[in-house]
């Protein structure tokens, strides 16, 4: 059974920024990246614990799925998963995960 998907404002801003940046060189690749992120989040909605626990955060409800070169962080709630952030793998995590 699938749970709901919610996005934080921060995560939406991250997605918009990465699409804008990638689109400067390849709108097609930007669209493909969004599709891959969407596919990974669909799987997470079906099996919220599919993502691995985040080593840098001491909270078992926060998980991540990797869509190279991005890490997509989400929090598991009983009725939903909440997308918290999308971060390039070379960047540091946001403070407020």
PDB file of N, CA and C in Angstrom:
ATOM      1  N   UNK A   1       0.835  -1.188   0.000  1.00  0.00           N
ATOM      2  CA  UNK A   1       0.000   0.000   0.000  1.00  0.00           C
ATOM      3  C   UNK A   1       0.880   1.253   0.000  1.00  0.00           C
ATOM      4  N   UNK A   2       0.527   2.197  -0.783  1.00  0.00           N
ATOM      5  CA  UNK A   2       1.298   3.417  -0.954  1.00  0.00           C
ATOM      6  C   UNK A   2       0.882   4.475   0.071  1.00  0.00           C
ATOM      7  N   UNK A   3       1.861   5.184   0.601  1.00  0.00           N
ATOM      8  CA  UNK A   3       1.574   6.297   1.506  1.00  0.00           C
ATOM      9  C   UNK A   3       1.647   7.605   0.716  1.00  0.00           C
ATOM     10  N   UNK A   4       1.148   8.654   1.309  1.00  0.00           N
ATOM     11  CA  UNK A   4       1.158   9.967   0.657  1.00  0.00           C
ATOM     12  C   UNK A   4       2.594  10.508   0.563  1.00  0.00           C
ATOM     13  N   UNK A   5       2.772  11.431  -0.340  1.00  0.00           N
ATOM     14  CA  UNK A   5       4.051  12.098  -0.526  1.00  0.00           C
ATOM     15  C   UNK A   5       3.857  13.582  -0.269  1.00  0.00           C
ATOM     16  N   UNK A   6       4.647  14.121   0.663  1.00  0.00           N
ATOM     17  CA  UNK A   6       4.601  15.561   0.951  1.00  0.00           C
ATOM     18  C   UNK A   6       5.994  16.143   0.735  1.00  0.00           C
ATOM     19  N   UNK A   7       6.025  17.389   0.270  1.00  0.00           N
ATOM     20  CA  UNK A   7       7.284  18.083   0.024  1.00  0.00           C
ATOM     21  C   UNK A   7       7.387  19.288   0.955  1.00  0.00           C
ATOM     22  N   UNK A   8       8.548  19.475   1.560  1.00  0.00           N
ATOM     23  CA  UNK A   8       8.786  20.701   2.305  1.00  0.00           C
ATOM     24  C   UNK A   8       9.105  21.810   1.307  1.00  0.00           C
ATOM     25  N   UNK A   9       8.961  23.039   1.752  1.00  0.00           N
ATOM     26  CA  UNK A   9       9.319  24.176   0.882  1.00  0.00           C
ATOM     27  C   UNK A   9      10.784  24.102   0.482  1.00  0.00           C
ATOM     28  N   UNK A  10      11.618  23.694   1.423  1.00  0.00           N
ATOM     29  CA  UNK A  10      13.056  23.584   1.148  1.00  0.00           C
ATOM     30  C   UNK A  10      13.312  22.584   0.025  1.00  0.00           C
ATOM     31  N   UNK A  11      12.669  21.426   0.093  1.00  0.00           N
ATOM     32  CA  UNK A  11      12.875  20.396  -0.931  1.00  0.00           C
ATOM     33  C   UNK A  11      12.397  20.868  -2.302  1.00  0.00           C
ATOM     34  N   UNK A  12      11.275  21.571  -2.334  1.00  0.00           N
ATOM     35  CA  UNK A  12      10.769  22.114  -3.599  1.00  0.00           C
ATOM     36  C   UNK A  12      11.777  23.117  -4.161  1.00  0.00           C
ATOM     37  N   UNK A  13      12.313  23.968  -3.306  1.00  0.00           N
ATOM     38  CA  UNK A  13      13.314  24.947  -3.751  1.00  0.00           C
ATOM     39  C   UNK A  13      14.564  24.240  -4.280  1.00  0.00           C
ATOM     40  N   UNK A  14      14.986  23.166  -3.615  1.00  0.00           N
ATOM     41  CA  UNK A  14      16.148  22.409  -4.088  1.00  0.00           C
ATOM     42  C   UNK A  14      15.881  21.820  -5.468  1.00  0.00           C
ATOM     43  N   UNK A  15      14.697  21.221  -5.646  1.00  0.00           N
ATOM     44  CA  UNK A  15      14.351  20.629  -6.940  1.00  0.00           C
ATOM     45  C   UNK A  15      14.320  21.694  -8.033  1.00  0.00           C
ATOM     46  N   UNK A  16      13.697  22.826  -7.749  1.00  0.00           N
ATOM     47  CA  UNK A  16      13.643  23.910  -8.736  1.00  0.00           C
ATOM     48  C   UNK A  16      15.040  24.398  -9.094  1.00  0.00           C
ATOM     49  N   UNK A  17      15.907  24.525  -8.096  1.00  0.00           N
ATOM     50  CA  UNK A  17      17.270  25.013  -8.345  1.00  0.00           C
ATOM     51  C   UNK A  17      18.070  24.024  -9.190  1.00  0.00           C
ATOM     52  N   UNK A  18      17.933  22.735  -8.902  1.00  0.00           N
ATOM     53  CA  UNK A  18      18.704  21.779  -9.686  1.00  0.00           C
ATOM     54  C   UNK A  18      18.184  21.705 -11.116  1.00  0.00           C
ATOM     55  N   UNK A  19      16.880  21.824 -11.306  1.00  0.00           N
ATOM     56  CA  UNK A  19      16.330  21.839 -12.670  1.00  0.00           C
ATOM     57  C   UNK A  19      16.816  23.069 -13.417  1.00  0.00           C
ATOM     58  N   UNK A  20      16.793  24.212 -12.763  1.00  0.00           N
ATOM     59  CA  UNK A  20      17.262  25.443 -13.403  1.00  0.00           C
ATOM     60  C   UNK A  20      18.737  25.330 -13.800  1.00  0.00           C
ATOM     61  N   UNK A  21      19.552  24.797 -12.899  1.00  0.00           N
ATOM     62  CA  UNK A  21      20.989  24.681 -13.161  1.00  0.00           C
ATOM     63  C   UNK A  21      21.259  23.701 -14.306  1.00  0.00           C
ATOM     64  N   UNK A  22      20.649  22.515 -14.238  1.00  0.00           N
ATOM     65  CA  UNK A  22      20.891  21.512 -15.276  1.00  0.00           C
ATOM     66  C   UNK A  22      20.354  21.984 -16.625  1.00  0.00           C
ATOM     67  N   UNK A  23      19.239  22.700 -16.605  1.00  0.00           N
ATOM     68  CA  UNK A  23      18.622  23.179 -17.856  1.00  0.00           C
ATOM     69  C   UNK A  23      19.507  24.166 -18.610  1.00  0.00           C
ATOM     70  N   UNK A  24      20.448  24.797 -17.918  1.00  0.00           N
ATOM     71  CA  UNK A  24      21.352  25.720 -18.599  1.00  0.00           C
ATOM     72  C   UNK A  24      22.143  25.010 -19.693  1.00  0.00           C
ATOM     73  N   UNK A  25      22.463  23.746 -19.462  1.00  0.00           N
ATOM     74  CA  UNK A  25      23.233  22.993 -20.462  1.00  0.00           C
ATOM     75  C   UNK A  25      22.404  21.929 -21.166  1.00  0.00           C
ATOM     76  N   UNK A  26      21.358  21.409 -20.490  1.00  0.00           N
ATOM     77  CA  UNK A  26      20.574  20.341 -21.118  1.00  0.00           C
ATOM     78  C   UNK A  26      19.175  20.233 -20.503  1.00  0.00           C
ATOM     79  N   UNK A  27      18.192  20.877 -21.107  1.00  0.00           N
ATOM     80  CA  UNK A  27      16.814  20.736 -20.619  1.00  0.00           C
ATOM     81  C   UNK A  27      16.334  19.281 -20.623  1.00  0.00           C
ATOM     82  N   UNK A  28      16.802  18.506 -21.574  1.00  0.00           N
ATOM     83  CA  UNK A  28      16.411  17.093 -21.645  1.00  0.00           C
ATOM     84  C   UNK A  28      16.955  16.329 -20.444  1.00  0.00           C
ATOM     85  N   UNK A  29      18.221  16.573 -20.092  1.00  0.00           N
ATOM     86  CA  UNK A  29      18.814  15.908 -18.932  1.00  0.00           C
ATOM     87  C   UNK A  29      18.123  16.352 -17.649  1.00  0.00           C
ATOM     88  N   UNK A  30      17.745  17.617 -17.559  1.00  0.00           N
ATOM     89  CA  UNK A  30      17.031  18.116 -16.378  1.00  0.00           C
ATOM     90  C   UNK A  30      15.702  17.383 -16.219  1.00  0.00           C
ATOM     91  N   UNK A  31      14.988  17.218 -17.316  1.00  0.00           N
ATOM     92  CA  UNK A  31      13.711  16.499 -17.270  1.00  0.00           C
ATOM     93  C   UNK A  31      13.936  15.041 -16.854  1.00  0.00           C
ATOM     94  N   UNK A  32      14.991  14.443 -17.370  1.00  0.00           N
ATOM     95  CA  UNK A  32      15.317  13.063 -17.007  1.00  0.00           C
ATOM     96  C   UNK A  32      15.645  12.918 -15.539  1.00  0.00           C
ATOM     97  N   UNK A  33      16.333  13.900 -14.980  1.00  0.00           N
ATOM     98  CA  UNK A  33      16.677  13.860 -13.555  1.00  0.00           C
ATOM     99  C   UNK A  33      15.408  13.917 -12.705  1.00  0.00           C
ATOM    100  N   UNK A  34      14.489  14.783 -13.068  1.00  0.00           N
ATOM    101  CA  UNK A  34      13.220  14.881 -12.335  1.00  0.00           C
ATOM    102  C   UNK A  34      12.469  13.550 -12.419  1.00  0.00           C
ATOM    103  N   UNK A  35      12.475  12.942 -13.572  1.00  0.00           N
ATOM    104  CA  UNK A  35      11.805  11.648 -13.749  1.00  0.00           C
ATOM    105  C   UNK A  35      12.436  10.585 -12.854  1.00  0.00           C
ATOM    106  N   UNK A  36      13.763  10.544 -12.801  1.00  0.00           N
ATOM    107  CA  UNK A  36      14.445   9.548 -11.964  1.00  0.00           C
ATOM    108  C   UNK A  36      14.175   9.784 -10.486  1.00  0.00           C
ATOM    109  N   UNK A  37      14.162  11.044 -10.060  1.00  0.00           N
ATOM    110  CA  UNK A  37      13.844  11.348  -8.665  1.00  0.00           C
ATOM    111  C   UNK A  37      12.410  10.914  -8.359  1.00  0.00           C
ATOM    112  N   UNK A  38      11.498  11.206  -9.264  1.00  0.00           N
ATOM    113  CA  UNK A  38      10.104  10.806  -9.088  1.00  0.00           C
ATOM    114  C   UNK A  38       9.974   9.286  -8.981  1.00  0.00           C
ATOM    115  N   UNK A  39      10.682   8.550  -9.807  1.00  0.00           N
ATOM    116  CA  UNK A  39      10.622   7.087  -9.757  1.00  0.00           C
ATOM    117  C   UNK A  39      11.111   6.550  -8.429  1.00  0.00           C
ATOM    118  N   UNK A  40      12.205   7.108  -7.925  1.00  0.00           N
ATOM    119  CA  UNK A  40      12.744   6.644  -6.631  1.00  0.00           C
ATOM    120  C   UNK A  40      11.775   6.962  -5.496  1.00  0.00           C
ATOM    121  N   UNK A  41      11.128   8.126  -5.561  1.00  0.00           N
ATOM    122  CA  UNK A  41      10.178   8.480  -4.517  1.00  0.00           C
ATOM    123  C   UNK A  41       8.906   7.637  -4.598  1.00  0.00           C
ATOM    124  N   UNK A  42       8.536   7.215  -5.787  1.00  0.00           N
ATOM    125  CA  UNK A  42       7.385   6.294  -5.917  1.00  0.00           C
ATOM    126  C   UNK A  42       7.686   4.981  -5.213  1.00  0.00           C
ATOM    127  N   UNK A  43       8.896   4.484  -5.382  1.00  0.00           N
ATOM    128  CA  UNK A  43       9.286   3.261  -4.677  1.00  0.00           C
ATOM    129  C   UNK A  43       9.272   3.475  -3.169  1.00  0.00           C
ATOM    130  N   UNK A  44       9.759   4.622  -2.729  1.00  0.00           N
ATOM    131  CA  UNK A  44       9.775   4.924  -1.298  1.00  0.00           C
ATOM    132  C   UNK A  44       8.359   5.027  -0.737  1.00  0.00           C
ATOM    133  N   UNK A  45       7.424   5.496  -1.541  1.00  0.00           N
ATOM    134  CA  UNK A  45       6.027   5.559  -1.092  1.00  0.00           C
ATOM    135  C   UNK A  45       5.462   4.157  -0.881  1.00  0.00           C
ATOM    136  N   UNK A  46       5.883   3.213  -1.687  1.00  0.00           N
ATOM    137  CA  UNK A  46       5.423   1.839  -1.551  1.00  0.00           C
ATOM    138  C   UNK A  46       6.108   1.119  -0.391  1.00  0.00           C
ATOM    139  N   UNK A  47       7.392   1.414  -0.208  1.00  0.00           N
ATOM    140  CA  UNK A  47       8.193   0.803   0.852  1.00  0.00           C
ATOM    141  C   UNK A  47       9.052   1.882   1.502  1.00  0.00           C
ATOM    142  N   UNK A  48       8.478   2.614   2.446  1.00  0.00           N
ATOM    143  CA  UNK A  48       9.194   3.759   3.024  1.00  0.00           C
ATOM    144  C   UNK A  48      10.582   3.448   3.589  1.00  0.00           C
ATOM    145  N   UNK A  49      10.805   2.237   4.030  1.00  0.00           N
ATOM    146  CA  UNK A  49      12.108   1.908   4.610  1.00  0.00           C
ATOM    147  C   UNK A  49      13.123   1.446   3.569  1.00  0.00           C
ATOM    148  N   UNK A  50      12.783   1.590   2.282  1.00  0.00           N
ATOM    149  CA  UNK A  50      13.698   1.200   1.205  1.00  0.00           C
ATOM    150  C   UNK A  50      14.958   2.070   1.219  1.00  0.00           C
ATOM    151  N   UNK A  51      14.805   3.321   1.614  1.00  0.00           N
ATOM    152  CA  UNK A  51      15.962   4.215   1.686  1.00  0.00           C
ATOM    153  C   UNK A  51      16.833   3.856   2.874  1.00  0.00           C
ATOM    154  N   UNK A  52      18.104   4.145   2.762  1.00  0.00           N
ATOM    155  CA  UNK A  52      19.001   3.832   3.882  1.00  0.00           C
ATOM    156  C   UNK A  52      18.956   4.939   4.920  1.00  0.00           C
ATOM    157  N   UNK A  53      19.249   4.563   6.161  1.00  0.00           N
ATOM    158  CA  UNK A  53      19.323   5.560   7.213  1.00  0.00           C
ATOM    159  C   UNK A  53      20.507   6.478   6.922  1.00  0.00           C
ATOM    160  N   UNK A  54      20.361   7.718   7.297  1.00  0.00           N
ATOM    161  CA  UNK A  54      21.379   8.727   7.015  1.00  0.00           C
ATOM    162  C   UNK A  54      22.427   8.698   8.123  1.00  0.00           C
ATOM    163  N   UNK A  55      23.646   8.375   7.757  1.00  0.00           N
ATOM    164  CA  UNK A  55      24.721   8.216   8.734  1.00  0.00           C
ATOM    165  C   UNK A  55      24.996   9.497   9.526  1.00  0.00           C
ATOM    166  N   UNK A  56      24.830  10.647   8.869  1.00  0.00           N
ATOM    167  CA  UNK A  56      25.155  11.919   9.525  1.00  0.00           C
ATOM    168  C   UNK A  56      24.065  12.397  10.482  1.00  0.00           C
ATOM    169  N   UNK A  57      22.937  11.717  10.512  1.00  0.00           N
ATOM    170  CA  UNK A  57      21.799  12.150  11.330  1.00  0.00           C
ATOM    171  C   UNK A  57      21.403  11.010  12.259  1.00  0.00           C
ATOM    172  N   UNK A  58      21.225  11.328  13.522  1.00  0.00           N
ATOM    173  CA  UNK A  58      20.844  10.311  14.494  1.00  0.00           C
ATOM    174  C   UNK A  58      19.321  10.275  14.648  1.00  0.00           C
ATOM    175  N   UNK A  59      18.624   9.879  13.566  1.00  0.00           N
ATOM    176  CA  UNK A  59      17.163   9.818  13.567  1.00  0.00           C
ATOM    177  C   UNK A  59      16.750   8.728  12.582  1.00  0.00           C
ATOM    178  N   UNK A  60      16.201   7.634  13.093  1.00  0.00           N
ATOM    179  CA  UNK A  60      15.849   6.483  12.255  1.00  0.00           C
ATOM    180  C   UNK A  60      14.703   6.774  11.295  1.00  0.00           C
ATOM    181  N   UNK A  61      13.957   7.861  11.512  1.00  0.00           N
ATOM    182  CA  UNK A  61      12.851   8.181  10.608  1.00  0.00           C
ATOM    183  C   UNK A  61      13.321   8.931   9.367  1.00  0.00           C
ATOM    184  N   UNK A  62      14.562   9.400   9.378  1.00  0.00           N
ATOM    185  CA  UNK A  62      15.095  10.112   8.214  1.00  0.00           C
ATOM    186  C   UNK A  62      15.883   9.129   7.361  1.00  0.00           C
ATOM    187  N   UNK A  63      15.503   9.048   6.106  1.00  0.00           N
ATOM    188  CA  UNK A  63      16.112   8.125   5.156  1.00  0.00           C
ATOM    189  C   UNK A  63      16.567   8.891   3.923  1.00  0.00           C
ATOM    190  N   UNK A  64      17.320   8.199   3.080  1.00  0.00           N
ATOM    191  CA  UNK A  64      17.730   8.807   1.828  1.00  0.00           C
ATOM    192  C   UNK A  64      17.710   7.774   0.708  1.00  0.00           C
ATOM    193  N   UNK A  65      17.401   8.264  -0.472  1.00  0.00           N
ATOM    194  CA  UNK A  65      17.581   7.484  -1.693  1.00  0.00           C
ATOM    195  C   UNK A  65      18.562   8.275  -2.541  1.00  0.00           C
ATOM    196  N   UNK A  66      19.381   7.568  -3.263  1.00  0.00           N
ATOM    197  CA  UNK A  66      20.404   8.216  -4.081  1.00  0.00           C
ATOM    198  C   UNK A  66      19.979   8.147  -5.549  1.00  0.00           C
ATOM    199  N   UNK A  67      19.997   9.315  -6.160  1.00  0.00           N
ATOM    200  CA  UNK A  67      19.763   9.448  -7.597  1.00  0.00           C
ATOM    201  C   UNK A  67      20.975  10.225  -8.104  1.00  0.00           C
ATOM    202  N   UNK A  68      22.047   9.492  -8.447  1.00  0.00           N
ATOM    203  CA  UNK A  68      23.311  10.160  -8.753  1.00  0.00           C
ATOM    204  C   UNK A  68      23.147  11.340  -9.704  1.00  0.00           C
ATOM    205  N   UNK A  69      23.761  12.463  -9.365  1.00  0.00           N
ATOM    206  CA  UNK A  69      24.657  12.718  -8.246  1.00  0.00           C
ATOM    207  C   UNK A  69      23.953  13.350  -7.035  1.00  0.00           C
ATOM    208  N   UNK A  70      22.680  13.083  -6.848  1.00  0.00           N
ATOM    209  CA  UNK A  70      21.913  13.708  -5.770  1.00  0.00           C
ATOM    210  C   UNK A  70      21.479  12.714  -4.703  1.00  0.00           C
ATOM    211  N   UNK A  71      21.394  13.219  -3.481  1.00  0.00           N
ATOM    212  CA  UNK A  71      20.844  12.470  -2.355  1.00  0.00           C
ATOM    213  C   UNK A  71      19.496  13.113  -2.028  1.00  0.00           C
ATOM    214  N   UNK A  72      18.451  12.292  -1.978  1.00  0.00           N
ATOM    215  CA  UNK A  72      17.104  12.773  -1.692  1.00  0.00           C
ATOM    216  C   UNK A  72      16.741  12.296  -0.285  1.00  0.00           C
ATOM    217  N   UNK A  73      16.563  13.244   0.619  1.00  0.00           N
ATOM    218  CA  UNK A  73      16.288  12.926   2.017  1.00  0.00           C
ATOM    219  C   UNK A  73      14.793  13.041   2.302  1.00  0.00           C
ATOM    220  N   UNK A  74      14.293  12.082   3.069  1.00  0.00           N
ATOM    221  CA  UNK A  74      12.884  12.119   3.434  1.00  0.00           C
ATOM    222  C   UNK A  74      12.687  11.590   4.854  1.00  0.00           C
ATOM    223  N   UNK A  75      11.576  11.981   5.439  1.00  0.00           N
ATOM    224  CA  UNK A  75      11.208  11.523   6.782  1.00  0.00           C
ATOM    225  C   UNK A  75       9.996  10.616   6.650  1.00  0.00           C
ATOM    226  N   UNK A  76      10.040   9.513   7.370  1.00  0.00           N
ATOM    227  CA  UNK A  76       8.919   8.579   7.370  1.00  0.00           C
ATOM    228  C   UNK A  76       7.926   8.986   8.448  1.00  0.00           C
ATOM    229  N   UNK A  77       6.681   9.167   8.049  1.00  0.00           N
ATOM    230  CA  UNK A  77       5.558   9.390   8.954  1.00  0.00           C
ATOM    231  C   UNK A  77       4.628   8.190   8.810  1.00  0.00           C
ATOM    232  N   UNK A  78       3.745   7.942   9.772  1.00  0.00           N
ATOM    233  CA  UNK A  78       2.848   6.788   9.658  1.00  0.00           C
ATOM    234  C   UNK A  78       2.000   6.777   8.385  1.00  0.00           C
ATOM    235  N   UNK A  79       1.608   7.950   7.907  1.00  0.00           N
ATOM    236  CA  UNK A  79       0.702   8.023   6.762  1.00  0.00           C
ATOM    237  C   UNK A  79       1.330   8.646   5.516  1.00  0.00           C
ATOM    238  N   UNK A  80       2.626   8.989   5.580  1.00  0.00           N
ATOM    239  CA  UNK A  80       3.247   9.700   4.457  1.00  0.00           C
ATOM    240  C   UNK A  80       4.764   9.644   4.562  1.00  0.00           C
ATOM    241  N   UNK A  81       5.403   9.993   3.447  1.00  0.00           N
ATOM    242  CA  UNK A  81       6.816  10.329   3.506  1.00  0.00           C
ATOM    243  C   UNK A  81       6.916  11.803   3.129  1.00  0.00           C
ATOM    244  N   UNK A  82       7.810  12.487   3.813  1.00  0.00           N
ATOM    245  CA  UNK A  82       7.975  13.927   3.631  1.00  0.00           C
ATOM    246  C   UNK A  82       9.369  14.190   3.070  1.00  0.00           C
ATOM    247  N   UNK A  83       9.434  14.716   1.864  1.00  0.00           N
ATOM    248  CA  UNK A  83      10.720  15.015   1.236  1.00  0.00           C
ATOM    249  C   UNK A  83      11.290  16.250   1.921  1.00  0.00           C
ATOM    250  N   UNK A  84      12.495  16.099   2.468  1.00  0.00           N
ATOM    251  CA  UNK A  84      13.121  17.168   3.254  1.00  0.00           C
ATOM    252  C   UNK A  84      14.119  17.998   2.465  1.00  0.00           C
ATOM    253  N   UNK A  85      14.895  17.328   1.607  1.00  0.00           N
ATOM    254  CA  UNK A  85      15.963  18.041   0.895  1.00  0.00           C
ATOM    255  C   UNK A  85      16.476  17.193  -0.254  1.00  0.00           C
ATOM    256  N   UNK A  86      17.028  17.868  -1.245  1.00  0.00           N
ATOM    257  CA  UNK A  86      17.731  17.213  -2.349  1.00  0.00           C
ATOM    258  C   UNK A  86      19.089  17.892  -2.432  1.00  0.00           C
ATOM    259  N   UNK A  87      20.145  17.109  -2.204  1.00  0.00           N
ATOM    260  CA  UNK A  87      21.478  17.683  -2.062  1.00  0.00           C
ATOM    261  C   UNK A  87      22.453  16.948  -2.985  1.00  0.00           C
ATOM    262  N   UNK A  88      23.284  17.713  -3.685  1.00  0.00           N
ATOM    263  CA  UNK A  88      24.331  17.105  -4.500  1.00  0.00           C
ATOM    264  C   UNK A  88      25.241  16.316  -3.572  1.00  0.00           C
ATOM    265  N   UNK A  89      25.697  15.160  -4.025  1.00  0.00           N
ATOM    266  CA  UNK A  89      26.493  14.278  -3.166  1.00  0.00           C
ATOM    267  C   UNK A  89      27.795  14.913  -2.677  1.00  0.00           C
ATOM    268  N   UNK A  90      28.285  15.946  -3.325  1.00  0.00           N
ATOM    269  CA  UNK A  90      29.523  16.606  -2.899  1.00  0.00           C
ATOM    270  C   UNK A  90      29.289  17.728  -1.889  1.00  0.00           C
ATOM    271  N   UNK A  91      28.037  18.028  -1.609  1.00  0.00           N
ATOM    272  CA  UNK A  91      27.729  19.120  -0.677  1.00  0.00           C
ATOM    273  C   UNK A  91      27.423  18.567   0.703  1.00  0.00           C
ATOM    274  N   UNK A  92      27.517  19.442   1.682  1.00  0.00           N
ATOM    275  CA  UNK A  92      27.190  19.072   3.046  1.00  0.00           C
ATOM    276  C   UNK A  92      25.666  19.073   3.228  1.00  0.00           C
ATOM    277  N   UNK A  93      25.226  18.309   4.196  1.00  0.00           N
ATOM    278  CA  UNK A  93      23.794  18.256   4.490  1.00  0.00           C
ATOM    279  C   UNK A  93      23.306  19.582   5.057  1.00  0.00           C
ATOM    280  N   UNK A  94      22.046  19.928   4.771  1.00  0.00           N
ATOM    281  CA  UNK A  94      21.473  21.117   5.416  1.00  0.00           C
ATOM    282  C   UNK A  94      21.417  20.896   6.923  1.00  0.00           C
ATOM    283  N   UNK A  95      21.551  21.959   7.677  1.00  0.00           N
ATOM    284  CA  UNK A  95      21.549  21.856   9.144  1.00  0.00           C
ATOM    285  C   UNK A  95      20.232  21.347   9.700  1.00  0.00           C
ATOM    286  N   UNK A  96      19.144  21.662   9.051  1.00  0.00           N
ATOM    287  CA  UNK A  96      17.830  21.377   9.622  1.00  0.00           C
ATOM    288  C   UNK A  96      17.182  20.106   9.068  1.00  0.00           C
ATOM    289  N   UNK A  97      17.947  19.044   8.955  1.00  0.00           N
ATOM    290  CA  UNK A  97      17.333  17.797   8.486  1.00  0.00           C
ATOM    291  C   UNK A  97      16.562  17.166   9.597  1.00  0.00           C
TER     292      UNK A  97
END
